[in-house]
C-alpha atoms as a PDB file:
ATOM      1  CA  MET A   1      31.346   0.885  -7.800  1.00  0.00           C
ATOM      2  CA  SER A   2      28.989   2.792  -5.641  1.00  0.00           C
ATOM      3  CA  LYS A   3      30.538   5.476  -3.364  1.00  0.00           C
ATOM      4  CA  LEU A   4      27.652   5.220  -0.917  1.00  0.00           C
ATOM      5  CA  ASN A   5      27.607   3.062   2.203  1.00  0.00           C
ATOM      6  CA  SER A   6      24.457   1.741   3.833  1.00  0.00           C
ATOM      7  CA  THR A   7      24.298   4.604   6.377  1.00  0.00           C
ATOM      8  CA  ASP A   8      24.492   7.130   3.411  1.00  0.00           C
ATOM      9  CA  VAL A   9      21.823   5.375   1.723  1.00  0.00           C
ATOM     10  CA  GLU A  10      19.530   5.451   4.761  1.00  0.00           C
ATOM     11  CA  ASN A  11      20.169   9.130   5.370  1.00  0.00           C
ATOM     12  CA  LEU A  12      19.287   9.925   1.700  1.00  0.00           C
ATOM     13  CA  LEU A  13      16.113   7.843   1.818  1.00  0.00           C
ATOM     14  CA  SER A  14      15.046   9.525   5.150  1.00  0.00           C
ATOM     15  CA  ASP A  15      15.060  12.820   3.281  1.00  0.00           C
ATOM     16  CA  SER A  16      12.412  11.708   0.836  1.00  0.00           C
ATOM     17  CA  LYS A  17       9.077  13.483   1.104  1.00  0.00           C
ATOM     18  CA  ALA A  18       7.216  11.978  -1.806  1.00  0.00           C
ATOM     19  CA  PRO A  19       5.405   8.577  -1.655  1.00  0.00           C
ATOM     20  CA  ARG A  20       7.799   5.762  -2.078  1.00  0.00           C
ATOM     21  CA  ILE A  21       8.457   2.070  -1.620  1.00  0.00           C
ATOM     22  CA  THR A  22      10.469   1.080   1.379  1.00  0.00           C
ATOM     23  CA  ASP A  23      12.082  -2.210   2.446  1.00  0.00           C
ATOM     24  CA  LYS A  24       9.613  -2.242   5.341  1.00  0.00           C
ATOM     25  CA  HIS A  25       6.705  -2.143   2.944  1.00  0.00           C
ATOM     26  CA  ILE A  26       8.255  -4.932   0.708  1.00  0.00           C
ATOM     27  CA  ASP A  27       8.554  -7.202   3.884  1.00  0.00           C
ATOM     28  CA  SER A  28       4.958  -6.202   4.712  1.00  0.00           C
ATOM     29  CA  VAL A  29       3.654  -7.578   1.451  1.00  0.00           C
ATOM     30  CA  ILE A  30       5.412 -11.040   1.873  1.00  0.00           C
ATOM     31  CA  LYS A  31       3.019 -13.563   3.542  1.00  0.00           C
ATOM     32  CA  GLY A  32       4.874 -16.786   2.956  1.00  0.00           C
ATOM     33  CA  GLU A  33       8.088 -18.363   1.910  1.00  0.00           C
ATOM     34  CA  THR A  34       9.178 -21.694   0.565  1.00  0.00           C
ATOM     35  CA  PHE A  35      12.666 -23.088  -0.165  1.00  0.00           C
ATOM     36  CA  ALA A  36      14.004 -25.896  -2.240  1.00  0.00           C
ATOM     37  CA  HIS A  37      17.498 -26.792  -1.363  1.00  0.00           C
ATOM     38  CA  ARG A  38      20.386 -28.397  -3.235  1.00  0.00           C
ATOM     39  CA  LEU A  39      18.774 -28.582  -6.662  1.00  0.00           C
ATOM     40  CA  THR A  40      21.571 -29.653  -8.926  1.00  0.00           C
ATOM     41  CA  GLY A  41      23.810 -29.736  -5.950  1.00  0.00           C
ATOM     42  CA  THR A  42      24.371 -25.974  -5.835  1.00  0.00           C
ATOM     43  CA  LEU A  43      21.134 -24.306  -6.396  1.00  0.00           C
ATOM     44  CA  THR A  44      18.610 -22.957  -3.776  1.00  0.00           C
ATOM     45  CA  VAL A  45      15.210 -21.758  -4.728  1.00  0.00           C
ATOM     46  CA  CYS A  46      13.004 -19.293  -2.805  1.00  0.00           C
ATOM     47  CA  ILE A  47       9.181 -18.856  -3.517  1.00  0.00           C
ATOM     48  CA  LEU A  48       7.784 -15.856  -1.743  1.00  0.00           C
ATOM     49  CA  THR A  49       4.194 -15.504  -1.627  1.00  0.00           C
ATOM     50  CA  LEU A  50       2.794 -12.028  -1.610  1.00  0.00           C
ATOM     51  CA  ALA A  51      -0.375 -10.781   0.426  1.00  0.00           C
ATOM     52  CA  ASN A  52      -2.449 -10.934  -2.932  1.00  0.00           C
ATOM     53  CA  GLY A  53      -1.516 -14.538  -3.758  1.00  0.00           C
ATOM     54  CA  PHE A  54       1.031 -13.578  -6.420  1.00  0.00           C
ATOM     55  CA  THR A  55       4.405 -15.431  -6.213  1.00  0.00           C
ATOM     56  CA  VAL A  56       7.871 -14.523  -7.022  1.00  0.00           C
ATOM     57  CA  VAL A  57      10.953 -16.764  -7.359  1.00  0.00           C
ATOM     58  CA  GLY A  58      14.503 -16.112  -6.363  1.00  0.00           C
ATOM     59  CA  LYS A  59      17.525 -18.291  -6.638  1.00  0.00           C
ATOM     60  CA  SER A  60      21.132 -18.604  -5.584  1.00  0.00           C
ATOM     61  CA  ALA A  61      23.860 -20.960  -6.375  1.00  0.00           C
ATOM     62  CA  CYS A  62      27.390 -21.661  -5.666  1.00  0.00           C
ATOM     63  CA  ALA A  63      30.100 -22.770  -8.058  1.00  0.00           C
ATOM     64  CA  SER A  64      31.051 -25.984  -6.218  1.00  0.00           C
ATOM     65  CA  PRO A  65      28.709 -28.392  -4.334  1.00  0.00           C
ATOM     66  CA  GLU A  66      31.497 -28.490  -1.656  1.00  0.00           C
ATOM     67  CA  ASN A  67      30.887 -24.835  -0.862  1.00  0.00           C
ATOM     68  CA  TYR A  68      27.052 -25.240  -0.600  1.00  0.00           C
ATOM     69  CA  ASN A  69      25.644 -23.736   2.624  1.00  0.00           C
ATOM     70  CA  GLU A  70      21.890 -23.958   3.139  1.00  0.00           C
ATOM     71  CA  ASP A  71      21.746 -20.774   5.234  1.00  0.00           C
ATOM     72  CA  LEU A  72      23.467 -18.683   2.779  1.00  0.00           C
ATOM     73  CA  GLY A  73      21.628 -20.340  -0.148  1.00  0.00           C
ATOM     74  CA  GLU A  74      18.320 -19.231   1.515  1.00  0.00           C
ATOM     75  CA  HIS A  75      19.651 -15.773   2.322  1.00  0.00           C
ATOM     76  CA  TYR A  76      20.647 -15.063  -1.237  1.00  0.00           C
ATOM     77  CA  ALA A  77      17.638 -16.734  -2.896  1.00  0.00           C
ATOM     78  CA  ARG A  78      15.357 -14.850  -0.632  1.00  0.00           C
ATOM     79  CA  GLU A  79      17.009 -11.589  -1.467  1.00  0.00           C
ATOM     80  CA  ASP A  80      16.858 -12.228  -5.119  1.00  0.00           C
ATOM     81  CA  ALA A  81      13.123 -12.918  -4.843  1.00  0.00           C
ATOM     82  CA  LYS A  82      12.687  -9.682  -2.788  1.00  0.00           C
ATOM     83  CA  ARG A  83      14.364  -7.643  -5.559  1.00  0.00           C
ATOM     84  CA  GLN A  84      11.617  -8.828  -7.960  1.00  0.00           C
ATOM     85  CA  ILE A  85       8.997  -7.265  -5.697  1.00  0.00           C
ATOM     86  CA  TRP A  86      10.264  -3.809  -5.905  1.00  0.00           C
ATOM     87  CA  PRO A  87       9.213  -3.125  -9.452  1.00  0.00           C
ATOM     88  CA  LEU A  88       5.848  -4.655  -8.942  1.00  0.00           C
ATOM     89  CA  GLU A  89       5.069  -2.502  -5.878  1.00  0.00           C
ATOM     90  CA  ALA A  90       6.447   0.560  -7.656  1.00  0.00           C
ATOM     91  CA  TYR A  91       4.184  -0.022 -10.533  1.00  0.00           C
ATOM     92  CA  LEU A  92       1.293  -0.052  -8.099  1.00  0.00           C
ATOM     93  CA  LEU A  93       2.300   3.095  -6.447  1.00  0.00           C
ATOM     94  CA  ARG A  94       2.749   4.934  -9.709  1.00  0.00           C
ATOM     95  CA  GLU A  95      -0.669   3.740 -10.870  1.00  0.00           C
ATOM     96  CA  LYS A  96      -2.234   5.193  -7.567  1.00  0.00           C
ATOM     97  CA  LEU A  97      -0.246   8.444  -8.050  1.00  0.00           C
ATOM     98  CA  ALA A  98      -1.452   8.709 -11.647  1.00  0.00           C
ATOM     99  CA  LEU A  99      -4.934   8.140 -10.587  1.00  0.00           C
ATOM    100  CA  ALA A 100      -4.675  10.914  -7.839  1.00  0.00           C
ATOM    101  CA  ASP A 101      -3.125  13.198 -10.589  1.00  0.00           C
ATOM    102  CA  ARG A 102      -6.412  12.788 -12.605  1.00  0.00           C
ATOM    103  CA  ALA A 103      -8.551  14.030  -9.627  1.00  0.00           C
ATOM    104  CA  VAL A 104     -10.390  17.295 -10.455  1.00  0.00           C
ATOM    105  CA  VAL A 105     -11.823  18.058  -7.145  1.00  0.00           C
ATOM    106  CA  PRO A 106      -9.299  19.388  -4.589  1.00  0.00           C
ATOM    107  CA  PRO A 107      -9.621  18.358  -0.888  1.00  0.00           C
ATOM    108  CA  SER A 108     -12.060  20.321   1.034  1.00  0.00           C
ATOM    109  CA  VAL A 109     -10.976  21.931   4.373  1.00  0.00           C
ATOM    110  CA  SER A 110      -9.338  19.341   6.701  1.00  0.00           C
ATOM    111  CA  MET A 111      -9.851  16.501   4.216  1.00  0.00           C
ATOM    112  CA  GLN A 112      -6.874  14.263   2.844  1.00  0.00           C
ATOM    113  CA  ARG A 113      -6.583  12.480  -0.289  1.00  0.00           C
ATOM    114  CA  TYR A 114      -7.141   8.698  -0.518  1.00  0.00           C
ATOM    115  CA  VAL A 115      -6.908   6.393  -3.468  1.00  0.00           C
ATOM    116  CA  GLY A 116      -8.489   2.909  -4.027  1.00  0.00           C
ATOM    117  CA  SER A 117     -10.186   2.036  -7.427  1.00  0.00           C
ATOM    118  CA  LYS A 118     -10.961   5.710  -7.535  1.00  0.00           C
ATOM    119  CA  VAL A 119      -9.695   8.837  -5.911  1.00  0.00           C
ATOM    120  CA  VAL A 120     -11.543  10.362  -2.869  1.00  0.00           C
ATOM    121  CA  ASN A 121     -10.847  13.008  -0.355  1.00  0.00           C
ATOM    122  CA  ALA A 122     -11.771  11.821   3.181  1.00  0.00           C
ATOM    123  CA  ARG A 123     -11.598  12.467   6.880  1.00  0.00           C
ATOM    124  CA  PRO A 124     -12.658  10.411   9.929  1.00  0.00           C
ATOM    125  CA  MET A 125     -16.106  11.161  11.047  1.00  0.00           C
ATOM    126  CA  SER A 126     -18.666   9.239  13.123  1.00  0.00           C
ATOM    127  CA  ARG A 127     -21.885   8.060  11.826  1.00  0.00           C
ATOM    128  CA  GLY A 128     -23.734  10.575  14.065  1.00  0.00           C
ATOM    129  CA  ALA A 129     -21.664  13.597  12.836  1.00  0.00           C
ATOM    130  CA  TYR A 130     -22.295  12.569   9.257  1.00  0.00           C
ATOM    131  CA  VAL A 131     -26.064  12.206   9.912  1.00  0.00           C
ATOM    132  CA  SER A 132     -25.944  15.754  11.463  1.00  0.00           C
ATOM    133  CA  LEU A 133     -23.937  17.199   8.692  1.00  0.00           C
ATOM    134  CA  ARG A 134     -26.751  15.926   6.273  1.00  0.00           C
ATOM    135  CA  GLY A 135     -29.438  17.363   8.537  1.00  0.00           C
ATOM    136  CA  TRP A 136     -30.976  13.886   8.940  1.00  0.00           C
ATOM    137  CA  GLU A 137     -32.208  12.069  11.967  1.00  0.00           C
ATOM    138  CA  LEU A 138     -30.293   8.984  13.118  1.00  0.00           C
ATOM    139  CA  PRO A 139     -32.422   5.797  12.637  1.00  0.00           C
ATOM    140  CA  ALA A 140     -33.156   3.982  15.850  1.00  0.00           C
ATOM    141  CA  ASP A 141     -31.319   0.890  14.788  1.00  0.00           C
ATOM    142  CA  GLU A 142     -27.986   2.772  14.016  1.00  0.00           C
ATOM    143  CA  ASN A 143     -25.290   3.896  16.477  1.00  0.00           C
ATOM    144  CA  ALA A 144     -24.091   7.449  16.278  1.00  0.00           C
ATOM    145  CA  MET A 145     -20.687   6.527  17.550  1.00  0.00           C
ATOM    146  CA  ASP A 146     -19.711   4.139  14.843  1.00  0.00           C
ATOM    147  CA  ASP A 147     -16.325   5.033  13.333  1.00  0.00           C
ATOM    148  CA  GLY A 148     -16.179   5.846   9.758  1.00  0.00           C
ATOM    149  CA  TYR A 149     -15.166   8.345   7.195  1.00  0.00           C
ATOM    150  CA  LEU A 150     -16.697  11.351   5.405  1.00  0.00           C
ATOM    151  CA  ILE A 151     -16.019  10.859   1.726  1.00  0.00           C
ATOM    152  CA  GLU A 152     -15.905  13.401  -1.072  1.00  0.00           C
ATOM    153  CA  TYR A 153     -15.429  11.780  -4.523  1.00  0.00           C
ATOM    154  CA  ALA A 154     -12.819  13.630  -6.377  1.00  0.00           C
ATOM    155  CA  ASP A 155     -13.281  12.402  -9.901  1.00  0.00           C
ATOM    156  CA  ARG A 156     -15.807  14.986 -10.920  1.00  0.00           C
ATOM    157  CA  PHE A 157     -17.607  18.145  -9.580  1.00  0.00           C
ATOM    158  CA  ASP A 158     -21.001  16.966  -8.289  1.00  0.00           C
ATOM    159  CA  GLU A 159     -21.985  18.870  -5.185  1.00  0.00           C
ATOM    160  CA  ASN A 160     -24.843  17.225  -3.109  1.00  0.00           C
ATOM    161  CA  VAL A 161     -23.997  19.047   0.180  1.00  0.00           C
ATOM    162  CA  PRO A 162     -23.321  22.799   0.301  1.00  0.00           C
ATOM    163  CA  GLY A 163     -19.617  23.576   1.180  1.00  0.00           C
ATOM    164  CA  PHE A 164     -18.248  20.540  -0.786  1.00  0.00           C
ATOM    165  CA  LEU A 165     -17.283  20.461  -4.524  1.00  0.00           C
ATOM    166  CA  GLY A 166     -17.629  16.738  -4.962  1.00  0.00           C
ATOM    167  CA  TYR A 167     -20.258  14.163  -4.179  1.00  0.00           C
ATOM    168  CA  ILE A 168     -20.471  13.481  -0.291  1.00  0.00           C
ATOM    169  CA  SER A 169     -21.094  10.099   1.374  1.00  0.00           C
ATOM    170  CA  TRP A 170     -20.154   8.203   4.399  1.00  0.00           C
ATOM    171  CA  SER A 171     -18.464   4.823   4.836  1.00  0.00           C
ATOM    172  CA  PRO A 172     -17.948   2.608   8.059  1.00  0.00           C
ATOM    173  CA  ALA A 173     -14.142   2.701   8.875  1.00  0.00           C
ATOM    174  CA  ASP A 174     -13.462  -0.941   8.425  1.00  0.00           C
ATOM    175  CA  VAL A 175     -15.091  -0.923   4.861  1.00  0.00           C
ATOM    176  CA  PHE A 176     -13.227   2.315   3.753  1.00  0.00           C
ATOM    177  CA  GLU A 177      -9.821   1.111   5.306  1.00  0.00           C
ATOM    178  CA  ARG A 178      -9.986  -2.118   3.206  1.00  0.00           C
ATOM    179  CA  ALA A 179     -10.685  -0.251   0.000  1.00  0.00           C
ATOM    180  CA  TYR A 180      -8.520   2.898   0.288  1.00  0.00           C
ATOM    181  CA  GLY A 181      -4.911   3.794   1.209  1.00  0.00           C
ATOM    182  CA  ARG A 182      -3.848   7.198   1.935  1.00  0.00           C
ATOM    183  CA  ILE A 183      -1.483   8.807  -0.541  1.00  0.00           C
END
């Protein structure tokens, strides 16, 4: 039997500095839920649909149909389904951390590491600031104030701009933020 109460657990978790999966994160990936009630007179099934379309199934049952309570059945079936999401999300996080561990280019000054399908170092930078960094002239049909990111690819040393070790490019903020998450 565990010696920790819920307050102890929350205090221990709040001390964690490394990337980890949280209950809040698990809730954020759940985009839908469906319940089937009183299957076999005692069984409740919960189907949780995740943001990427994947589904997990949880169940709960009482020993006697006379004890069946729909609210409790839903609660326990949903908790059972949520428990199945934890290892899936932990695997995804471990994959991202392993990808980051393979990066060979350290972040340049004031850049932070991000990971998507590959590892990049990046920092917010407007389109105009990027054009200036490259020594280019802004085309007339582009807005210098567009939000974006300066990106340095961290998978190999491939300098294309003095002062950076990896290949440098720029991405609009919405495109970058859909593809990469900060580690």
